[in-house]
C-alpha atoms as a PDB file:
ATOM      1  CA  MET A   1      42.885  46.281 130.092  1.00  0.00           C
ATOM      2  CA  ARG A   2      39.628  47.176 131.777  1.00  0.00           C
ATOM      3  CA  CYS A   3      38.290  45.360 134.861  1.00  0.00           C
ATOM      4  CA  ARG A   4      34.823  45.498 136.336  1.00  0.00           C
ATOM      5  CA  ALA A   5      32.947  43.900 139.215  1.00  0.00           C
ATOM      6  CA  ILE A   6      29.868  41.841 138.353  1.00  0.00           C
ATOM      7  CA  PRO A   7      27.452  40.483 141.005  1.00  0.00           C
ATOM      8  CA  PHE A   8      27.347  36.697 140.623  1.00  0.00           C
ATOM      9  CA  LEU A   9      25.547  34.129 142.829  1.00  0.00           C
ATOM     10  CA  GLY A  10      25.652  36.210 145.993  1.00  0.00           C
ATOM     11  CA  THR A  11      29.276  37.247 145.536  1.00  0.00           C
ATOM     12  CA  VAL A  12      31.207  39.525 143.198  1.00  0.00           C
ATOM     13  CA  ALA A  13      33.242  38.355 140.218  1.00  0.00           C
ATOM     14  CA  ILE A  14      36.047  40.523 138.809  1.00  0.00           C
ATOM     15  CA  VAL A  15      36.155  40.368 135.016  1.00  0.00           C
ATOM     16  CA  CYS A  16      39.081  41.849 133.109  1.00  0.00           C
ATOM     17  CA  GLY A  17      39.563  42.095 129.386  1.00  0.00           C
ATOM     18  CA  ARG A  18      39.052  44.103 126.269  1.00  0.00           C
ATOM     19  CA  HIS A  19      35.311  43.625 126.261  1.00  0.00           C
ATOM     20  CA  THR A  20      33.513  46.630 124.911  1.00  0.00           C
ATOM     21  CA  GLN A  21      29.812  47.132 125.386  1.00  0.00           C
ATOM     22  CA  LYS A  22      27.915  47.936 122.249  1.00  0.00           C
ATOM     23  CA  ARG A  23      26.218  51.312 122.289  1.00  0.00           C
ATOM     24  CA  CYS A  24      22.919  52.365 120.754  1.00  0.00           C
ATOM     25  CA  LYS A  25      23.486  53.831 117.292  1.00  0.00           C
ATOM     26  CA  TYR A  26      20.948  56.582 117.944  1.00  0.00           C
ATOM     27  CA  CYS A  27      21.552  57.829 121.504  1.00  0.00           C
ATOM     28  CA  GLY A  28      24.734  56.149 122.774  1.00  0.00           C
ATOM     29  CA  ARG A  29      23.144  54.293 125.703  1.00  0.00           C
ATOM     30  CA  THR A  30      24.004  50.649 126.397  1.00  0.00           C
ATOM     31  CA  CYS A  31      22.752  48.327 123.668  1.00  0.00           C
ATOM     32  CA  GLU A  32      19.948  45.976 124.736  1.00  0.00           C
ATOM     33  CA  LYS A  33      18.507  44.965 121.373  1.00  0.00           C
ATOM     34  CA  LEU A  34      19.492  44.400 117.751  1.00  0.00           C
ATOM     35  CA  CYS A  35      17.369  45.220 114.698  1.00  0.00           C
ATOM     36  CA  ASP A  36      15.563  42.109 113.425  1.00  0.00           C
ATOM     37  CA  TYR A  37      14.708  43.461 109.955  1.00  0.00           C
ATOM     38  CA  PRO A  38      15.521  40.787 107.330  1.00  0.00           C
ATOM     39  CA  VAL A  39      18.356  41.693 104.929  1.00  0.00           C
ATOM     40  CA  ILE A  40      20.560  39.825 102.438  1.00  0.00           C
ATOM     41  CA  ARG A  41      24.277  39.940 103.248  1.00  0.00           C
ATOM     42  CA  LYS A  42      26.774  38.236 100.938  1.00  0.00           C
ATOM     43  CA  GLY A  43      23.893  36.394  99.291  1.00  0.00           C
ATOM     44  CA  LYS A  44      22.611  34.927 102.588  1.00  0.00           C
ATOM     45  CA  PRO A  45      19.516  35.918 104.578  1.00  0.00           C
ATOM     46  CA  LYS A  46      20.485  37.715 107.803  1.00  0.00           C
ATOM     47  CA  THR A  47      19.096  40.452 110.039  1.00  0.00           C
ATOM     48  CA  CYS A  48      20.115  44.124 110.156  1.00  0.00           C
ATOM     49  CA  ASP A  49      21.616  43.855 113.693  1.00  0.00           C
ATOM     50  CA  ILE A  50      22.033  47.602 114.330  1.00  0.00           C
ATOM     51  CA  PRO A  51      22.580  47.955 118.120  1.00  0.00           C
ATOM     52  CA  MET A  52      19.796  49.859 119.930  1.00  0.00           C
ATOM     53  CA  CYS A  53      18.721  50.633 123.486  1.00  0.00           C
ATOM     54  CA  ALA A  54      15.194  49.683 124.592  1.00  0.00           C
ATOM     55  CA  GLY A  55      14.032  53.300 124.184  1.00  0.00           C
ATOM     56  CA  CYS A  56      15.127  53.599 120.546  1.00  0.00           C
ATOM     57  CA  ALA A  57      14.073  50.109 119.398  1.00  0.00           C
ATOM     58  CA  ILE A  58      10.579  49.847 117.915  1.00  0.00           C
ATOM     59  CA  LYS A  59       8.784  46.648 118.897  1.00  0.00           C
ATOM     60  CA  VAL A  60       6.901  45.087 115.961  1.00  0.00           C
ATOM     61  CA  GLY A  61       6.370  41.560 117.302  1.00  0.00           C
ATOM     62  CA  GLU A  62       6.633  39.305 120.344  1.00  0.00           C
ATOM     63  CA  ASP A  63      10.425  39.031 120.010  1.00  0.00           C
ATOM     64  CA  LYS A  64      11.003  41.353 117.053  1.00  0.00           C
ATOM     65  CA  ASP A  65      12.396  44.898 117.098  1.00  0.00           C
ATOM     66  CA  TYR A  66      13.276  47.223 114.212  1.00  0.00           C
ATOM     67  CA  CYS A  67      15.571  50.227 113.979  1.00  0.00           C
ATOM     68  CA  ARG A  68      13.953  53.518 112.965  1.00  0.00           C
ATOM     69  CA  PRO A  69      14.753  53.390 109.217  1.00  0.00           C
ATOM     70  CA  HIS A  70      13.598  49.784 108.855  1.00  0.00           C
ATOM     71  CA  PHE A  71      10.395  50.433 110.814  1.00  0.00           C
ATOM     72  CA  ASN A  72       9.554  53.238 108.374  1.00  0.00           C
ATOM     73  CA  LEU A  73      10.497  51.035 105.410  1.00  0.00           C
ATOM     74  CA  ALA A  74       8.491  48.002 106.596  1.00  0.00           C
ATOM     75  CA  GLY A  75       5.272  49.883 107.293  1.00  0.00           C
ATOM     76  CA  GLU A  76       4.331  47.392 110.042  1.00  0.00           C
ATOM     77  CA  PRO A  77       2.232  48.590 112.979  1.00  0.00           C
ATOM     78  CA  GLN A  78       3.884  48.928 116.360  1.00  0.00           C
ATOM     79  CA  TYR A  79       3.343  45.834 118.539  1.00  0.00           C
ATOM     80  CA  CYS A  80       1.075  45.941 121.586  1.00  0.00           C
ATOM     81  CA  PRO A  81       0.549  42.572 123.345  1.00  0.00           C
ATOM     82  CA  GLN A  82      -2.858  43.469 124.795  1.00  0.00           C
ATOM     83  CA  PRO A  83      -4.911  46.585 124.300  1.00  0.00           C
ATOM     84  CA  LEU A  84      -5.269  48.689 127.408  1.00  0.00           C
ATOM     85  CA  LEU A  85      -8.805  48.508 128.745  1.00  0.00           C
ATOM     86  CA  PHE A  86     -10.085  51.118 131.115  1.00  0.00           C
ATOM     87  CA  GLU A  87     -13.165  50.467 133.189  1.00  0.00           C
ATOM     88  CA  LYS A  88     -15.502  53.312 134.037  1.00  0.00           C
END
């Protein structure tokens, strides 16, 4: 059983258990996002849900990230909330 200390409300909580952190499928870093590409699983609409770190996920919407293969398959442009404007 693995235990770890987590900062919580100005103190430290000790959490023990068999909790495993998901790792990015592409680089092995800690998973922060899941692929949001729509798929059909067992006849029901779902999302891909491949675990990815922020560096490997490709943002295609406000709260929408795709894995590399699904980004290439979808052909959607990469998301940018506001264009960068430089003043001269």
